[in-house]
Every structure is written in structure tokens, then in C-alpha cells.
Amino acid sequence: MTAARFDAVLFDAGGVLVLPDPLVLGPLLAYYGGSADVADHVRAHYAGMKAKSDAGSGETSWEVYNRAYVHTVGVDTADVDEAVEVLDRTRYHATWRYVIDESRTALGRLAAAGVPMGVVSNASGQIEAMLARSICQVGPGAHVEMRVIVDSHVVGVAKPDQRIFDFALPSFAEFERSRIAYVGDSVTMDIAASSAAGLHPILIDPYDDHVGAEFERIRSVGELADELCG
């Protein structure tokens, strides 16, 4: 049996475990001619992240994301500017709550296989409580057990600053950093920060938006679970 490449896995939250809630954003953008279909809004998130990465936008800059998002769901051309503004006002931290079911299932598989896990996320102080509702929590509980959940607002450091991982890595001190995978959905935030921290970066890229990239890509957390769980 081939030895596993990784001893532990850290995850971003947004785009990996949860998404901006399409049940909120769908009706919002349908008013401007956009699709309210959940699948279209899932696609729109990753299109937005691709645009954000291409533009090199920082954590607090979401203009290109919003514009790509509304284009992807098919907002009428004449209404794009207004839809972008409305989306920006509505897509705030409390709406990052739509659980990616495949990721939740994959976390369960990884936990059953004994893979140590944690979460390191740029957030607004809400991420640990939100995840504990339906996905994971620190220590034993109703959902998947994590060793640590780091929220950038709580610790005062945000990606792409690699120091955010300093708040998580003591919980994985028995492992070499290079054997800890970090799974995220942003090139500028996640790939850059985890690479600088000495971790193994992996980008969630469900639609192959980053074909030819030099870093590792997977289409889902389930793909990583297939590798590590056999």
C-alpha cells in the first residue's frame, strides 16, 4: 500500500466547506434577470474567485468578484452595475453559510480514517460558530472533529499573511509542515499564504478554471478523501 502524501489537512472555509448562500443571493439577483438556480450560483462563486485571483485583488477588494458573479448568473447587461452594488451589500459574512454537501461527506470520511484536520479561514469572527452548526467543531461534538479552527478576525492576522498559520500549527506540531496540506479556493490568499508557511497548497478548482497552473488542484474535497482514505 502506498504511503499517504500528507499527515494532516487544513482547510479554508469559504469555497471549500461553505459558500455564499444561493438561497439568499438567487432571489436577489433574479430581480435583475439572473438565474436563481443553486448550481448557477455555485458556479458563479468560483468564477468570481478566478476573476479575483487574476486581478490580484486583496482580501477586502470584491469588485471583480461581484462583477464576475453577476455575469455568470446571467444578470441583464443593463442592470449589471446595480446588481454588483446590491450583491456587494448583501454578500456579507453572515451569508457564508451554505454547506457544500460533498465537502461535509468527505470530512466525515477523513475523520473516520483518522486524518488530523483543522480550519484556517479569513473571516469576521463568525466562522467557528457557523461551522459548529452543521459541519465541524473543535474537539468531540455533533459533527466532524477538528483540532483547531482559526478565524482571522479573532487572531488579528489574515491571509495572505502566512503568520495566520502560526495559530494553527502548534496543534499539528508532530508533523512536518511540508506534509500538511492546505486546501483553499484563492490563488492570491490561500496558495500564496500556505506556500509561504511551508505547507503543501491545494486549490479547489471544480470547473478547471486554473488549467496549467503550477500548484496542485482538485475538483472537490472528496477527491482528496479518495486519496487519503483509499
C-alpha atoms as a PDB file:
ATOM      1  CA  MET A   1       0.000   0.000   0.000  1.00  0.00           C
ATOM      2  CA  THR A   2       1.398   3.405  -0.983  1.00  0.00           C
ATOM      3  CA  ALA A   3       2.151   5.721   1.940  1.00  0.00           C
ATOM      4  CA  ALA A   4      -0.060   8.797   2.194  1.00  0.00           C
ATOM      5  CA  ARG A   5       1.460  12.059   0.994  1.00  0.00           C
ATOM      6  CA  PHE A   6       0.009  14.024   3.912  1.00  0.00           C
ATOM      7  CA  ASP A   7      -0.133  13.523   7.666  1.00  0.00           C
ATOM      8  CA  ALA A   8      -2.790  16.198   8.229  1.00  0.00           C
ATOM      9  CA  VAL A   9      -5.037  18.576   6.323  1.00  0.00           C
ATOM     10  CA  LEU A  10      -6.032  22.180   6.971  1.00  0.00           C
ATOM     11  CA  PHE A  11      -8.973  23.723   5.150  1.00  0.00           C
ATOM     12  CA  ASP A  12     -10.128  27.179   4.254  1.00  0.00           C
ATOM     13  CA  ALA A  13     -13.836  27.631   4.955  1.00  0.00           C
ATOM     14  CA  GLY A  14     -15.192  29.793   2.115  1.00  0.00           C
ATOM     15  CA  GLY A  15     -15.355  27.959  -1.191  1.00  0.00           C
ATOM     16  CA  VAL A  16     -14.143  24.738   0.436  1.00  0.00           C
ATOM     17  CA  LEU A  17     -16.695  23.966   3.149  1.00  0.00           C
ATOM     18  CA  VAL A  18     -19.294  26.700   2.634  1.00  0.00           C
ATOM     19  CA  LEU A  19     -20.421  29.217   0.005  1.00  0.00           C
ATOM     20  CA  PRO A  20     -22.353  32.494  -0.014  1.00  0.00           C
ATOM     21  CA  ASP A  21     -25.918  31.266   0.374  1.00  0.00           C
ATOM     22  CA  PRO A  22     -27.535  30.915  -3.082  1.00  0.00           C
ATOM     23  CA  LEU A  23     -30.942  30.693  -1.412  1.00  0.00           C
ATOM     24  CA  VAL A  24     -30.379  34.329  -0.439  1.00  0.00           C
ATOM     25  CA  LEU A  25     -28.488  35.550  -3.496  1.00  0.00           C
ATOM     26  CA  GLY A  26     -30.636  33.718  -6.050  1.00  0.00           C
ATOM     27  CA  PRO A  27     -33.839  35.714  -5.485  1.00  0.00           C
ATOM     28  CA  LEU A  28     -31.752  38.851  -5.004  1.00  0.00           C
ATOM     29  CA  LEU A  29     -30.240  38.646  -8.477  1.00  0.00           C
ATOM     30  CA  ALA A  30     -33.315  37.142 -10.163  1.00  0.00           C
ATOM     31  CA  TYR A  31     -34.798  40.625  -9.802  1.00  0.00           C
ATOM     32  CA  TYR A  32     -32.152  41.733 -12.331  1.00  0.00           C
ATOM     33  CA  GLY A  33     -32.735  38.847 -14.707  1.00  0.00           C
ATOM     34  CA  GLY A  34     -30.218  36.481 -13.143  1.00  0.00           C
ATOM     35  CA  SER A  35     -30.720  32.782 -12.592  1.00  0.00           C
ATOM     36  CA  ALA A  36     -31.894  31.664  -9.163  1.00  0.00           C
ATOM     37  CA  ASP A  37     -30.657  28.108  -9.750  1.00  0.00           C
ATOM     38  CA  VAL A  38     -28.361  26.915  -6.964  1.00  0.00           C
ATOM     39  CA  ALA A  39     -25.945  25.250  -9.382  1.00  0.00           C
ATOM     40  CA  ASP A  40     -25.528  28.505 -11.290  1.00  0.00           C
ATOM     41  CA  HIS A  41     -24.677  30.344  -8.095  1.00  0.00           C
ATOM     42  CA  VAL A  42     -22.159  27.699  -7.066  1.00  0.00           C
ATOM     43  CA  ARG A  43     -20.507  28.161 -10.447  1.00  0.00           C
ATOM     44  CA  ALA A  44     -20.623  31.928 -10.011  1.00  0.00           C
ATOM     45  CA  HIS A  45     -18.617  31.781  -6.789  1.00  0.00           C
ATOM     46  CA  TYR A  46     -15.698  30.020  -8.423  1.00  0.00           C
ATOM     47  CA  ALA A  47     -15.889  32.287 -11.463  1.00  0.00           C
ATOM     48  CA  GLY A  48     -15.698  35.203  -9.059  1.00  0.00           C
ATOM     49  CA  MET A  49     -12.705  33.738  -7.255  1.00  0.00           C
ATOM     50  CA  LYS A  50     -10.933  33.141 -10.566  1.00  0.00           C
ATOM     51  CA  ALA A  51     -11.513  36.786 -11.533  1.00  0.00           C
ATOM     52  CA  LYS A  52     -10.355  37.919  -8.101  1.00  0.00           C
ATOM     53  CA  SER A  53      -7.171  35.876  -8.350  1.00  0.00           C
ATOM     54  CA  ASP A  54      -6.473  37.039 -11.909  1.00  0.00           C
ATOM     55  CA  ALA A  55      -6.781  40.637 -10.763  1.00  0.00           C
ATOM     56  CA  GLY A  56      -4.584  40.036  -7.717  1.00  0.00           C
ATOM     57  CA  SER A  57      -7.323  41.505  -5.552  1.00  0.00           C
ATOM     58  CA  GLY A  58      -6.706  41.588  -1.812  1.00  0.00           C
ATOM     59  CA  GLU A  59      -8.964  40.239   0.890  1.00  0.00           C
ATOM     60  CA  THR A  60     -11.033  43.408   1.201  1.00  0.00           C
ATOM     61  CA  SER A  61     -11.491  44.015  -2.546  1.00  0.00           C
ATOM     62  CA  TRP A  62     -14.511  42.224  -4.007  1.00  0.00           C
ATOM     63  CA  GLU A  63     -15.476  44.371  -7.004  1.00  0.00           C
ATOM     64  CA  VAL A  64     -14.154  41.984  -9.654  1.00  0.00           C
ATOM     65  CA  TYR A  65     -15.637  39.009  -7.800  1.00  0.00           C
ATOM     66  CA  ASN A  66     -19.063  40.635  -7.675  1.00  0.00           C
ATOM     67  CA  ARG A  67     -18.933  41.582 -11.351  1.00  0.00           C
ATOM     68  CA  ALA A  68     -17.921  38.092 -12.452  1.00  0.00           C
ATOM     69  CA  TYR A  69     -20.602  36.616 -10.192  1.00  0.00           C
ATOM     70  CA  VAL A  70     -23.483  38.611 -11.662  1.00  0.00           C
ATOM     71  CA  HIS A  71     -22.282  37.966 -15.224  1.00  0.00           C
ATOM     72  CA  THR A  72     -22.101  34.243 -14.534  1.00  0.00           C
ATOM     73  CA  VAL A  73     -25.672  34.014 -13.267  1.00  0.00           C
ATOM     74  CA  GLY A  74     -26.860  35.957 -16.338  1.00  0.00           C
ATOM     75  CA  VAL A  75     -27.890  39.336 -14.953  1.00  0.00           C
ATOM     76  CA  ASP A  76     -29.211  41.597 -17.720  1.00  0.00           C
ATOM     77  CA  THR A  77     -26.457  43.760 -19.166  1.00  0.00           C
ATOM     78  CA  ALA A  78     -28.283  46.984 -18.395  1.00  0.00           C
ATOM     79  CA  ASP A  79     -28.604  46.005 -14.738  1.00  0.00           C
ATOM     80  CA  VAL A  80     -25.080  44.752 -14.082  1.00  0.00           C
ATOM     81  CA  ASP A  81     -23.789  47.825 -12.257  1.00  0.00           C
ATOM     82  CA  GLU A  82     -26.756  47.989  -9.913  1.00  0.00           C
ATOM     83  CA  ALA A  83     -26.690  44.229  -9.345  1.00  0.00           C
ATOM     84  CA  VAL A  84     -22.992  44.412  -8.484  1.00  0.00           C
ATOM     85  CA  GLU A  85     -23.681  47.073  -5.877  1.00  0.00           C
ATOM     86  CA  VAL A  86     -26.605  45.183  -4.374  1.00  0.00           C
ATOM     87  CA  LEU A  87     -24.619  41.950  -4.271  1.00  0.00           C
ATOM     88  CA  ASP A  88     -21.767  43.712  -2.506  1.00  0.00           C
ATOM     89  CA  ARG A  89     -24.143  44.980   0.169  1.00  0.00           C
ATOM     90  CA  THR A  90     -25.828  41.606   0.644  1.00  0.00           C
ATOM     91  CA  ARG A  91     -22.984  39.105   0.382  1.00  0.00           C
ATOM     92  CA  TYR A  92     -21.538  39.743   3.829  1.00  0.00           C
ATOM     93  CA  HIS A  93     -20.102  37.389   6.429  1.00  0.00           C
ATOM     94  CA  ALA A  94     -23.416  36.032   7.712  1.00  0.00           C
ATOM     95  CA  THR A  95     -24.355  34.758   4.247  1.00  0.00           C
ATOM     96  CA  TRP A  96     -21.293  32.476   4.018  1.00  0.00           C
ATOM     97  CA  ARG A  97     -23.304  29.576   5.399  1.00  0.00           C
ATOM     98  CA  TYR A  98     -24.373  27.320   2.519  1.00  0.00           C
ATOM     99  CA  VAL A  99     -22.804  23.939   3.234  1.00  0.00           C
ATOM    100  CA  ILE A 100     -21.083  22.116   0.389  1.00  0.00           C
ATOM    101  CA  ASP A 101     -22.554  18.664   0.997  1.00  0.00           C
ATOM    102  CA  GLU A 102     -19.767  16.805  -0.789  1.00  0.00           C
ATOM    103  CA  SER A 103     -17.209  18.502   1.439  1.00  0.00           C
ATOM    104  CA  ARG A 104     -19.122  17.620   4.585  1.00  0.00           C
ATOM    105  CA  THR A 105     -19.291  13.977   3.499  1.00  0.00           C
ATOM    106  CA  ALA A 106     -15.581  13.983   2.658  1.00  0.00           C
ATOM    107  CA  LEU A 107     -14.692  15.398   6.089  1.00  0.00           C
ATOM    108  CA  GLY A 108     -16.549  12.512   7.656  1.00  0.00           C
ATOM    109  CA  ARG A 109     -14.563  10.038   5.594  1.00  0.00           C
ATOM    110  CA  LEU A 110     -11.274  11.706   6.517  1.00  0.00           C
ATOM    111  CA  ALA A 111     -12.201  11.713  10.196  1.00  0.00           C
ATOM    112  CA  ALA A 112     -13.140   8.033  10.069  1.00  0.00           C
ATOM    113  CA  ALA A 113      -9.730   7.326   8.532  1.00  0.00           C
ATOM    114  CA  GLY A 114      -8.035   9.155  11.406  1.00  0.00           C
ATOM    115  CA  VAL A 115      -6.717  12.098   9.395  1.00  0.00           C
ATOM    116  CA  PRO A 116      -5.977  15.071  11.720  1.00  0.00           C
ATOM    117  CA  MET A 117      -7.741  18.210  10.449  1.00  0.00           C
ATOM    118  CA  GLY A 118      -8.249  21.901  11.128  1.00  0.00           C
ATOM    119  CA  VAL A 119      -9.647  25.079   9.591  1.00  0.00           C
ATOM    120  CA  VAL A 120      -7.804  28.342   8.900  1.00  0.00           C
ATOM    121  CA  SER A 121     -10.063  30.986   7.403  1.00  0.00           C
ATOM    122  CA  ASN A 122     -10.218  34.686   6.687  1.00  0.00           C
ATOM    123  CA  ALA A 123     -13.486  35.533   8.373  1.00  0.00           C
ATOM    124  CA  SER A 124     -15.254  38.076  10.561  1.00  0.00           C
ATOM    125  CA  GLY A 125     -15.414  36.358  13.932  1.00  0.00           C
ATOM    126  CA  GLN A 126     -18.319  34.084  12.993  1.00  0.00           C
ATOM    127  CA  ILE A 127     -16.697  31.091  11.369  1.00  0.00           C
ATOM    128  CA  GLU A 128     -16.278  28.733  14.335  1.00  0.00           C
ATOM    129  CA  ALA A 129     -19.887  29.130  15.482  1.00  0.00           C
ATOM    130  CA  MET A 130     -21.209  28.810  11.939  1.00  0.00           C
ATOM    131  CA  LEU A 131     -19.263  25.632  11.213  1.00  0.00           C
ATOM    132  CA  ALA A 132     -20.369  24.129  14.518  1.00  0.00           C
ATOM    133  CA  ARG A 133     -24.000  24.315  13.393  1.00  0.00           C
ATOM    134  CA  SER A 134     -23.658  21.693  10.685  1.00  0.00           C
ATOM    135  CA  ILE A 135     -20.107  20.747   9.670  1.00  0.00           C
ATOM    136  CA  CYS A 136     -17.368  20.581  12.292  1.00  0.00           C
ATOM    137  CA  GLN A 137     -16.215  21.759  15.679  1.00  0.00           C
ATOM    138  CA  VAL A 138     -13.052  21.771  17.766  1.00  0.00           C
ATOM    139  CA  GLY A 139     -12.922  18.556  19.723  1.00  0.00           C
ATOM    140  CA  PRO A 140     -15.679  15.940  20.042  1.00  0.00           C
ATOM    141  CA  GLY A 141     -19.220  17.009  19.224  1.00  0.00           C
ATOM    142  CA  ALA A 142     -22.168  16.606  16.926  1.00  0.00           C
ATOM    143  CA  HIS A 143     -20.150  16.893  13.740  1.00  0.00           C
ATOM    144  CA  VAL A 144     -16.627  16.247  12.466  1.00  0.00           C
ATOM    145  CA  GLU A 145     -13.872  16.844  14.988  1.00  0.00           C
ATOM    146  CA  MET A 146     -11.206  19.436  14.205  1.00  0.00           C
ATOM    147  CA  ARG A 147      -8.052  20.079  16.190  1.00  0.00           C
ATOM    148  CA  VAL A 148      -8.335  23.831  15.688  1.00  0.00           C
ATOM    149  CA  ILE A 149     -10.439  26.458  13.904  1.00  0.00           C
ATOM    150  CA  VAL A 150      -8.665  29.769  13.237  1.00  0.00           C
ATOM    151  CA  ASP A 151     -10.671  32.887  12.332  1.00  0.00           C
ATOM    152  CA  SER A 152      -8.572  35.793  11.033  1.00  0.00           C
ATOM    153  CA  HIS A 153     -10.722  38.374  12.818  1.00  0.00           C
ATOM    154  CA  VAL A 154     -10.224  36.629  16.140  1.00  0.00           C
ATOM    155  CA  VAL A 155      -6.444  36.222  15.839  1.00  0.00           C
ATOM    156  CA  GLY A 156      -5.798  39.556  14.103  1.00  0.00           C
ATOM    157  CA  VAL A 157      -3.887  38.164  11.114  1.00  0.00           C
ATOM    158  CA  ALA A 158      -5.368  37.437   7.677  1.00  0.00           C
ATOM    159  CA  LYS A 159      -4.131  35.636   4.587  1.00  0.00           C
ATOM    160  CA  PRO A 160      -2.067  36.237   2.505  1.00  0.00           C
ATOM    161  CA  ASP A 161      -0.033  36.854   5.684  1.00  0.00           C
ATOM    162  CA  GLN A 162       1.476  33.458   6.404  1.00  0.00           C
ATOM    163  CA  ARG A 163       1.521  34.171  10.143  1.00  0.00           C
ATOM    164  CA  ILE A 164      -2.131  33.176  10.389  1.00  0.00           C
ATOM    165  CA  PHE A 165      -0.948  29.557  10.281  1.00  0.00           C
ATOM    166  CA  ASP A 166       1.095  30.120  13.434  1.00  0.00           C
ATOM    167  CA  PHE A 167      -2.184  29.942  15.345  1.00  0.00           C
ATOM    168  CA  ALA A 168      -2.996  26.514  13.916  1.00  0.00           C
ATOM    169  CA  LEU A 169       0.296  24.692  13.515  1.00  0.00           C
ATOM    170  CA  PRO A 170       1.016  24.146  17.240  1.00  0.00           C
ATOM    171  CA  SER A 171      -1.954  21.768  17.139  1.00  0.00           C
ATOM    172  CA  PHE A 172      -0.083  19.749  14.495  1.00  0.00           C
ATOM    173  CA  ALA A 173       3.400  20.037  15.995  1.00  0.00           C
ATOM    174  CA  GLU A 174       4.201  16.356  15.491  1.00  0.00           C
ATOM    175  CA  PHE A 175       4.109  16.750  11.703  1.00  0.00           C
ATOM    176  CA  GLU A 176       6.483  18.332   9.225  1.00  0.00           C
ATOM    177  CA  ARG A 177       4.890  21.386   7.612  1.00  0.00           C
ATOM    178  CA  SER A 178       5.541  20.053   4.136  1.00  0.00           C
ATOM    179  CA  ARG A 179       3.347  17.051   4.953  1.00  0.00           C
ATOM    180  CA  ILE A 180       0.383  19.188   5.948  1.00  0.00           C
ATOM    181  CA  ALA A 181      -1.949  20.037   3.054  1.00  0.00           C
ATOM    182  CA  TYR A 182      -3.837  23.306   2.973  1.00  0.00           C
ATOM    183  CA  VAL A 183      -6.943  23.373   0.785  1.00  0.00           C
ATOM    184  CA  GLY A 184      -8.335  26.742  -0.333  1.00  0.00           C
ATOM    185  CA  ASP A 185     -10.126  28.424  -3.227  1.00  0.00           C
ATOM    186  CA  SER A 186      -7.988  31.546  -3.733  1.00  0.00           C
ATOM    187  CA  VAL A 187      -4.660  31.770  -5.515  1.00  0.00           C
ATOM    188  CA  THR A 188      -3.754  35.140  -4.017  1.00  0.00           C
ATOM    189  CA  MET A 189      -4.896  34.321  -0.477  1.00  0.00           C
ATOM    190  CA  ASP A 190      -4.635  30.577   0.051  1.00  0.00           C
ATOM    191  CA  ILE A 191      -1.975  29.301  -2.311  1.00  0.00           C
ATOM    192  CA  ALA A 192       0.317  32.236  -1.562  1.00  0.00           C
ATOM    193  CA  ALA A 193      -0.040  32.120   2.228  1.00  0.00           C
ATOM    194  CA  SER A 194       0.193  28.365   2.666  1.00  0.00           C
ATOM    195  CA  SER A 195       3.172  28.131   0.318  1.00  0.00           C
ATOM    196  CA  ALA A 196       4.975  30.830   2.276  1.00  0.00           C
ATOM    197  CA  ALA A 197       4.195  28.970   5.510  1.00  0.00           C
ATOM    198  CA  GLY A 198       5.831  25.815   4.182  1.00  0.00           C
ATOM    199  CA  LEU A 199       2.602  23.833   3.808  1.00  0.00           C
ATOM    200  CA  HIS A 200       1.517  21.928   0.708  1.00  0.00           C
ATOM    201  CA  PRO A 201      -1.041  24.156  -1.085  1.00  0.00           C
ATOM    202  CA  ILE A 202      -4.003  22.678  -2.952  1.00  0.00           C
ATOM    203  CA  LEU A 203      -6.597  24.741  -4.817  1.00  0.00           C
ATOM    204  CA  ILE A 204     -10.230  23.704  -5.025  1.00  0.00           C
ATOM    205  CA  ASP A 205     -10.968  24.145  -8.743  1.00  0.00           C
ATOM    206  CA  PRO A 206     -14.270  22.403  -9.548  1.00  0.00           C
ATOM    207  CA  TYR A 207     -14.581  23.854 -13.048  1.00  0.00           C
ATOM    208  CA  ASP A 208     -10.942  23.688 -14.147  1.00  0.00           C
ATOM    209  CA  ASP A 209     -10.630  27.466 -14.190  1.00  0.00           C
ATOM    210  CA  HIS A 210      -6.894  27.194 -13.485  1.00  0.00           C
ATOM    211  CA  VAL A 211      -5.731  24.638 -16.034  1.00  0.00           C
ATOM    212  CA  GLY A 212      -1.957  24.809 -16.442  1.00  0.00           C
ATOM    213  CA  ALA A 213      -1.325  26.291 -13.005  1.00  0.00           C
ATOM    214  CA  GLU A 214       1.904  25.271 -11.285  1.00  0.00           C
ATOM    215  CA  PHE A 215       0.206  24.401  -7.996  1.00  0.00           C
ATOM    216  CA  GLU A 216      -1.873  21.315  -7.238  1.00  0.00           C
ATOM    217  CA  ARG A 217      -5.594  21.447  -7.974  1.00  0.00           C
ATOM    218  CA  ILE A 218      -8.505  19.209  -7.002  1.00  0.00           C
ATOM    219  CA  ARG A 219     -12.129  19.391  -8.054  1.00  0.00           C
ATOM    220  CA  SER A 220     -13.517  18.615  -4.602  1.00  0.00           C
ATOM    221  CA  VAL A 221     -12.567  17.677  -1.058  1.00  0.00           C
ATOM    222  CA  GLY A 222     -13.932  14.250  -1.957  1.00  0.00           C
ATOM    223  CA  GLU A 223     -11.045  13.822  -4.374  1.00  0.00           C
ATOM    224  CA  LEU A 224      -8.584  14.337  -1.526  1.00  0.00           C
ATOM    225  CA  ALA A 225     -10.554  11.914   0.649  1.00  0.00           C
ATOM    226  CA  ASP A 226     -10.350   9.317  -2.121  1.00  0.00           C
ATOM    227  CA  GLU A 227      -6.562   9.591  -1.997  1.00  0.00           C
ATOM    228  CA  LEU A 228      -6.106   9.609   1.778  1.00  0.00           C
ATOM    229  CA  CYS A 229      -8.832   7.161   2.733  1.00  0.00           C
ATOM    230  CA  GLY A 230      -8.341   4.598  -0.025  1.00  0.00           C
END
